[in-house]
Amino acid sequence: MAALKNKIDFALVFSVKNANPNGDPLNGNIPRTTLDGYGELSDVCLKRKIRNRLQDAGENIFVQSDDYRKDDYRSLRSRAEAVLGKAMKNETELHELANKTWIDVRSFGQVFAFKGGDAKGVSVGIRGPVTIHPAFSIDPINVTSLQITKSVSGEGDGTKRGSDTMGMKHSVDFGMYATYGSINPQLAELTGFDDTDADKIKHALLHIFDNDASSARPEGSMEVIKLFWWKHNSKSGQYSAAKVHRTLKITKKDGVSQAKSADDYTITTDDLPDLAPEVLSF
């Protein structure tokens, strides 16, 4: 595979309406927020969705979720041992075969750390070229919590309602979110990540909420507004990722005090010399 020739920075802007984009399991599954009240999606959540979209497109994925599994391996170790075989005993061979086999490994990297039982264990770390930040809302969000009830008890003889019929459902009324990321050509050389893989990541980001509906995230409640894709003219990049990301400006329109839709925002970029982004939406 031809190595990635250009550094890439990107930014994804999306909206959330009446949905729980990423619940906090340590806080009753309430949508994640910062101490300042801004909404948050973890980078792990975003990478999970990217992996799922790549999997939808027919790509081989190493870190598959249990409810989206496309093979018979119920753990990362069993998948690694079955696919890598004897390469598990040689760090160089493991690195090469794992990157060649799974797009998420050569994109995000992976730690292969498994106990060996009677044999020697394995501990190999692969650094991936694709990094992505947690997503944060542009403004503080308002979370609505609803008491819900089931029409039938999960257990018992049905003569009376049990305590399990009561529950809570939480959602973000509306929020505009942004996440940022980069693709590093130097690390891409080590994993074999190429321009074709970069295009697959771009497509996955643009369609990150496809086939992602649930009771917490009804169809259409999460929408990609714009994807900004900066392709530098060299491997090292013309500017730092931080400087490129800062060119994206998302502000509420004049007269809007409480945003209720993406139309209430203005999204622009202060383009740097000789580096304008490709702007995608659908």
Protein backbone atom coordinates (compact mmCIF):
# COMPACT_ATOMS: atom_id res chain seq x y z
CA MET A 1 0.00 0.00 0.00
CA ALA A 2 1.19 3.53 -0.79
CA ALA A 3 1.90 5.51 2.35
CA LEU A 4 -0.21 8.50 3.32
CA LYS A 5 1.46 11.51 1.72
CA ASN A 6 -0.33 14.40 3.44
CA LYS A 7 -1.17 15.30 6.99
CA ILE A 8 -4.94 15.60 7.51
CA ASP A 9 -6.92 17.52 10.11
CA PHE A 10 -10.69 17.31 10.39
CA ALA A 11 -13.66 18.63 12.33
CA LEU A 12 -17.15 17.18 12.59
CA VAL A 13 -20.11 19.39 13.53
CA PHE A 14 -23.36 17.66 14.47
CA SER A 15 -26.61 18.35 16.27
CA VAL A 16 -28.54 16.46 18.95
CA LYS A 17 -32.26 16.96 19.48
CA ASN A 18 -34.37 15.12 22.06
CA ALA A 19 -31.79 12.33 22.36
CA ASN A 20 -29.20 10.93 24.73
CA PRO A 21 -26.01 10.97 22.64
CA ASN A 22 -23.73 9.36 25.25
CA GLY A 23 -25.06 8.41 28.67
CA ASP A 24 -22.84 8.38 31.75
CA PRO A 25 -23.08 4.92 33.39
CA LEU A 26 -21.80 6.34 36.69
CA ASN A 27 -24.57 8.94 36.79
CA GLY A 28 -27.78 7.06 36.00
CA ASN A 29 -27.08 7.17 32.24
CA ILE A 30 -27.71 10.92 32.14
CA PRO A 31 -26.14 12.57 29.05
CA ARG A 32 -22.53 13.38 29.76
CA THR A 33 -21.82 16.97 30.71
CA THR A 34 -18.80 18.95 31.85
CA LEU A 35 -18.70 20.80 35.16
CA ASP A 36 -19.69 23.94 33.22
CA GLY A 37 -22.81 22.30 31.81
CA TYR A 38 -21.56 21.66 28.29
CA GLY A 39 -22.57 18.41 26.62
CA GLU A 40 -19.90 15.79 25.96
CA LEU A 41 -19.41 12.62 23.91
CA SER A 42 -16.34 10.57 24.75
CA ASP A 43 -13.76 9.77 22.09
CA VAL A 44 -14.43 6.08 22.82
CA CYS A 45 -18.11 6.59 21.91
CA LEU A 46 -17.17 8.30 18.65
CA LYS A 47 -14.65 5.63 17.67
CA ARG A 48 -17.23 2.94 18.39
CA LYS A 49 -19.60 4.56 15.90
CA ILE A 50 -16.82 4.94 13.32
CA ARG A 51 -15.92 1.26 13.71
CA ASN A 52 -19.57 0.30 13.22
CA ARG A 53 -19.84 2.35 10.03
CA LEU A 54 -16.64 0.81 8.68
CA GLN A 55 -18.04 -2.59 9.54
CA ASP A 56 -21.27 -1.72 7.69
CA ALA A 57 -19.09 -1.00 4.65
CA GLY A 58 -17.61 -4.51 4.79
CA GLU A 59 -14.31 -3.69 6.50
CA ASN A 60 -12.68 -6.11 8.93
CA ILE A 61 -12.86 -4.76 12.50
CA PHE A 62 -10.89 -6.09 15.46
CA VAL A 63 -12.73 -4.30 18.30
CA GLN A 64 -16.30 -5.37 17.57
CA SER A 65 -19.06 -4.70 20.09
CA ASP A 66 -20.98 -7.70 21.41
CA ASP A 67 -24.27 -6.49 19.91
CA TYR A 68 -22.68 -5.76 16.53
CA ARG A 69 -20.45 -8.79 16.20
CA LYS A 70 -19.98 -10.24 12.69
CA ASP A 71 -18.03 -13.38 13.63
CA ASP A 72 -18.08 -16.15 16.23
CA TYR A 73 -15.35 -14.75 18.51
CA ARG A 74 -16.69 -13.48 21.81
CA SER A 75 -13.47 -11.86 23.05
CA LEU A 76 -10.56 -9.92 21.62
CA ARG A 77 -8.19 -12.69 22.62
CA SER A 78 -10.11 -15.42 20.81
CA ARG A 79 -10.33 -13.24 17.68
CA ALA A 80 -6.62 -12.43 17.81
CA GLU A 81 -5.55 -16.04 18.35
CA ALA A 82 -7.82 -17.37 15.60
CA VAL A 83 -6.80 -14.81 12.99
CA LEU A 84 -3.17 -14.15 13.87
CA GLY A 85 -2.22 -17.70 14.80
CA LYS A 86 1.54 -18.21 15.05
CA ALA A 87 2.13 -14.50 14.47
CA MET A 88 1.07 -14.00 18.11
CA LYS A 89 4.49 -15.34 19.12
CA ASN A 90 6.47 -12.77 17.11
CA GLU A 91 6.04 -9.06 17.71
CA THR A 92 7.07 -8.03 14.18
CA GLU A 93 4.77 -10.56 12.53
CA LEU A 94 1.88 -9.65 14.85
CA HIS A 95 2.32 -5.96 14.08
CA GLU A 96 2.37 -6.57 10.33
CA LEU A 97 -0.53 -9.03 10.12
CA ALA A 98 -2.80 -7.17 12.56
CA ASN A 99 -2.41 -3.91 10.64
CA LYS A 100 -2.99 -5.65 7.32
CA THR A 101 -6.09 -7.49 8.58
CA TRP A 102 -8.05 -4.89 10.59
CA ILE A 103 -8.66 -1.30 9.50
CA ASP A 104 -9.41 -0.12 13.04
CA VAL A 105 -6.01 -1.40 14.22
CA ARG A 106 -4.06 0.40 11.50
CA SER A 107 -6.24 3.50 12.05
CA PHE A 108 -6.58 3.90 15.83
CA GLY A 109 -3.92 1.50 17.04
CA GLN A 110 -4.41 -1.32 19.54
CA VAL A 111 -2.79 -2.94 22.55
CA PHE A 112 -2.51 -6.71 22.25
CA ALA A 113 -1.98 -7.74 25.87
CA PHE A 114 -3.08 -11.28 26.69
CA LYS A 115 -1.98 -13.75 29.33
CA GLY A 116 -0.32 -16.82 27.90
CA GLY A 117 -1.36 -19.56 30.34
CA ASP A 118 1.38 -22.21 30.17
CA ALA A 119 3.04 -20.40 27.30
CA LYS A 120 4.57 -16.94 27.26
CA GLY A 121 2.01 -14.14 27.07
CA VAL A 122 1.93 -11.34 24.54
CA SER A 123 2.07 -7.58 25.05
CA VAL A 124 2.36 -5.55 21.86
CA GLY A 125 1.27 -1.95 21.42
CA ILE A 126 0.46 -0.43 18.03
CA ARG A 127 0.17 3.35 17.68
CA GLY A 128 -2.41 4.41 15.12
CA PRO A 129 -2.28 7.58 13.01
CA VAL A 130 -5.92 8.61 13.53
CA THR A 131 -6.74 10.55 16.69
CA ILE A 132 -10.09 12.07 17.61
CA HIS A 133 -11.07 14.38 20.47
CA PRO A 134 -14.14 14.06 22.69
CA ALA A 135 -17.03 16.10 21.28
CA PHE A 136 -18.34 19.07 23.26
CA SER A 137 -21.42 21.20 22.76
CA ILE A 138 -20.99 24.78 21.59
CA ASP A 139 -23.25 26.08 24.39
CA PRO A 140 -24.40 24.62 27.71
CA ILE A 141 -27.15 22.06 27.22
CA ASN A 142 -30.47 21.48 28.94
CA VAL A 143 -31.21 17.87 29.96
CA THR A 144 -34.81 16.74 30.38
CA SER A 145 -35.52 13.73 32.62
CA LEU A 146 -38.79 11.83 32.37
CA GLN A 147 -40.27 9.26 34.73
CA ILE A 148 -41.41 6.29 32.65
CA THR A 149 -43.37 3.14 33.48
CA LYS A 150 -43.73 -0.24 31.84
CA SER A 151 -47.18 -1.66 31.17
CA VAL A 152 -46.16 -5.01 32.65
CA SER A 153 -43.79 -6.25 35.36
CA GLY A 154 -40.68 -8.06 34.30
CA GLU A 155 -41.18 -10.64 37.07
CA GLY A 156 -43.90 -11.78 39.47
CA ASP A 157 -47.36 -13.30 38.94
CA GLY A 158 -48.89 -10.19 37.39
CA THR A 159 -51.27 -9.42 40.27
CA LYS A 160 -49.47 -6.15 41.03
CA ARG A 161 -46.85 -3.95 39.52
CA GLY A 162 -43.30 -4.51 40.64
CA SER A 163 -40.68 -1.87 41.30
CA ASP A 164 -39.06 -2.68 37.97
CA THR A 165 -41.94 -1.02 36.11
CA MET A 166 -40.59 2.40 37.08
CA GLY A 167 -37.66 4.03 35.31
CA MET A 168 -36.10 7.25 34.05
CA LYS A 169 -35.31 8.49 30.57
CA HIS A 170 -32.95 11.41 29.92
CA SER A 171 -32.38 13.46 26.78
CA VAL A 172 -30.72 16.63 25.53
CA ASP A 173 -33.34 19.14 24.39
CA PHE A 174 -31.02 20.51 21.72
CA GLY A 175 -27.28 20.86 21.34
CA MET A 176 -24.78 21.66 18.61
CA TYR A 177 -21.58 19.66 19.08
CA ALA A 178 -18.13 19.63 17.49
CA THR A 179 -15.26 17.17 17.59
CA TYR A 180 -11.80 17.45 16.07
CA GLY A 181 -9.18 15.00 14.86
CA SER A 182 -6.03 14.45 12.85
CA ILE A 183 -4.28 11.81 10.76
CA ASN A 184 -0.50 11.59 11.14
CA PRO A 185 1.48 10.38 8.06
CA GLN A 186 4.54 9.36 10.09
CA LEU A 187 2.46 6.93 12.19
CA ALA A 188 0.56 5.90 9.05
CA GLU A 189 3.84 4.61 7.61
CA LEU A 190 4.21 2.25 10.58
CA THR A 191 0.74 0.72 10.24
CA GLY A 192 0.24 0.80 6.47
CA PHE A 193 -2.61 3.30 6.67
CA ASP A 194 -2.97 4.90 3.21
CA ASP A 195 -5.04 7.45 1.28
CA THR A 196 -7.75 4.87 0.61
CA ASP A 197 -8.11 4.29 4.34
CA ALA A 198 -8.31 8.04 4.92
CA ASP A 199 -11.22 8.25 2.47
CA LYS A 200 -12.95 5.42 4.35
CA ILE A 201 -12.57 7.31 7.63
CA LYS A 202 -13.95 10.44 5.96
CA HIS A 203 -17.00 8.52 4.69
CA ALA A 204 -17.54 6.92 8.11
CA LEU A 205 -17.49 10.33 9.82
CA LEU A 206 -19.95 11.77 7.34
CA HIS A 207 -22.33 8.84 7.99
CA ILE A 208 -21.48 8.33 11.66
CA PHE A 209 -25.13 8.22 12.81
CA ASP A 210 -26.43 5.91 10.08
CA ASN A 211 -27.87 2.66 11.49
CA ASP A 212 -27.31 4.06 14.99
CA ALA A 213 -30.91 4.59 16.10
CA SER A 214 -32.15 3.35 19.48
CA SER A 215 -34.78 4.29 22.06
CA ALA A 216 -32.24 6.77 23.47
CA ARG A 217 -31.37 8.13 20.00
CA PRO A 218 -34.47 7.99 17.75
CA GLU A 219 -33.91 8.06 14.00
CA GLY A 220 -33.11 11.61 12.90
CA SER A 221 -32.40 12.93 16.39
CA MET A 222 -28.64 13.11 15.70
CA GLU A 223 -27.56 14.78 12.49
CA VAL A 224 -24.23 15.52 10.85
CA ILE A 225 -24.27 19.20 9.89
CA LYS A 226 -20.82 19.62 8.31
CA LEU A 227 -17.53 17.77 8.02
CA PHE A 228 -14.41 19.91 7.52
CA TRP A 229 -11.43 18.10 5.98
CA TRP A 230 -8.06 19.90 5.82
CA LYS A 231 -5.46 18.19 3.64
CA HIS A 232 -2.00 19.68 4.05
CA ASN A 233 0.56 19.80 1.24
CA SER A 234 3.18 17.78 3.12
CA LYS A 235 3.62 14.97 5.63
CA SER A 236 4.62 17.32 8.45
CA GLY A 237 1.77 19.74 7.75
CA GLN A 238 1.74 23.43 6.98
CA TYR A 239 0.34 24.35 10.41
CA SER A 240 -0.20 22.69 13.75
CA ALA A 241 -3.45 20.80 14.27
CA ALA A 242 -4.41 23.17 17.09
CA LYS A 243 -4.04 26.20 14.82
CA VAL A 244 -6.06 24.55 12.06
CA HIS A 245 -8.84 23.49 14.42
CA ARG A 246 -9.12 27.02 15.81
CA THR A 247 -10.07 28.33 12.37
CA LEU A 248 -13.51 26.76 12.76
CA LYS A 249 -15.99 29.28 14.18
CA ILE A 250 -19.46 28.23 15.38
CA THR A 251 -21.56 31.07 16.77
CA LYS A 252 -25.22 31.76 17.41
CA LYS A 253 -26.85 34.13 14.98
CA ASP A 254 -27.68 37.65 16.11
CA GLY A 255 -30.87 37.77 18.15
CA VAL A 256 -30.79 34.08 19.09
CA SER A 257 -30.66 33.60 22.85
CA GLN A 258 -31.61 29.92 23.06
CA ALA A 259 -30.69 27.82 20.02
CA LYS A 260 -33.29 25.24 19.03
CA SER A 261 -31.91 24.06 15.71
CA ALA A 262 -28.76 24.06 13.59
CA ASP A 263 -30.23 26.98 11.63
CA ASP A 264 -29.68 29.16 14.70
CA TYR A 265 -25.89 28.92 14.22
CA THR A 266 -23.40 30.36 11.78
CA ILE A 267 -20.53 28.01 10.87
CA THR A 268 -17.47 29.52 9.17
CA THR A 269 -13.71 29.06 8.89
CA ASP A 270 -10.98 31.67 9.01
CA ASP A 271 -8.90 29.94 6.35
CA LEU A 272 -5.14 29.90 6.75
CA PRO A 273 -2.93 30.79 3.74
CA ASP A 274 -2.85 27.92 1.21
CA LEU A 275 -5.02 25.66 3.40
CA ALA A 276 -8.75 25.70 2.83
CA PRO A 277 -10.88 22.78 4.01
CA GLU A 278 -13.06 20.51 1.94
CA VAL A 279 -16.55 21.01 3.40
CA LEU A 280 -18.95 18.07 3.20
CA SER A 281 -22.54 17.52 4.23
CA PHE A 282 -25.43 15.33 3.12
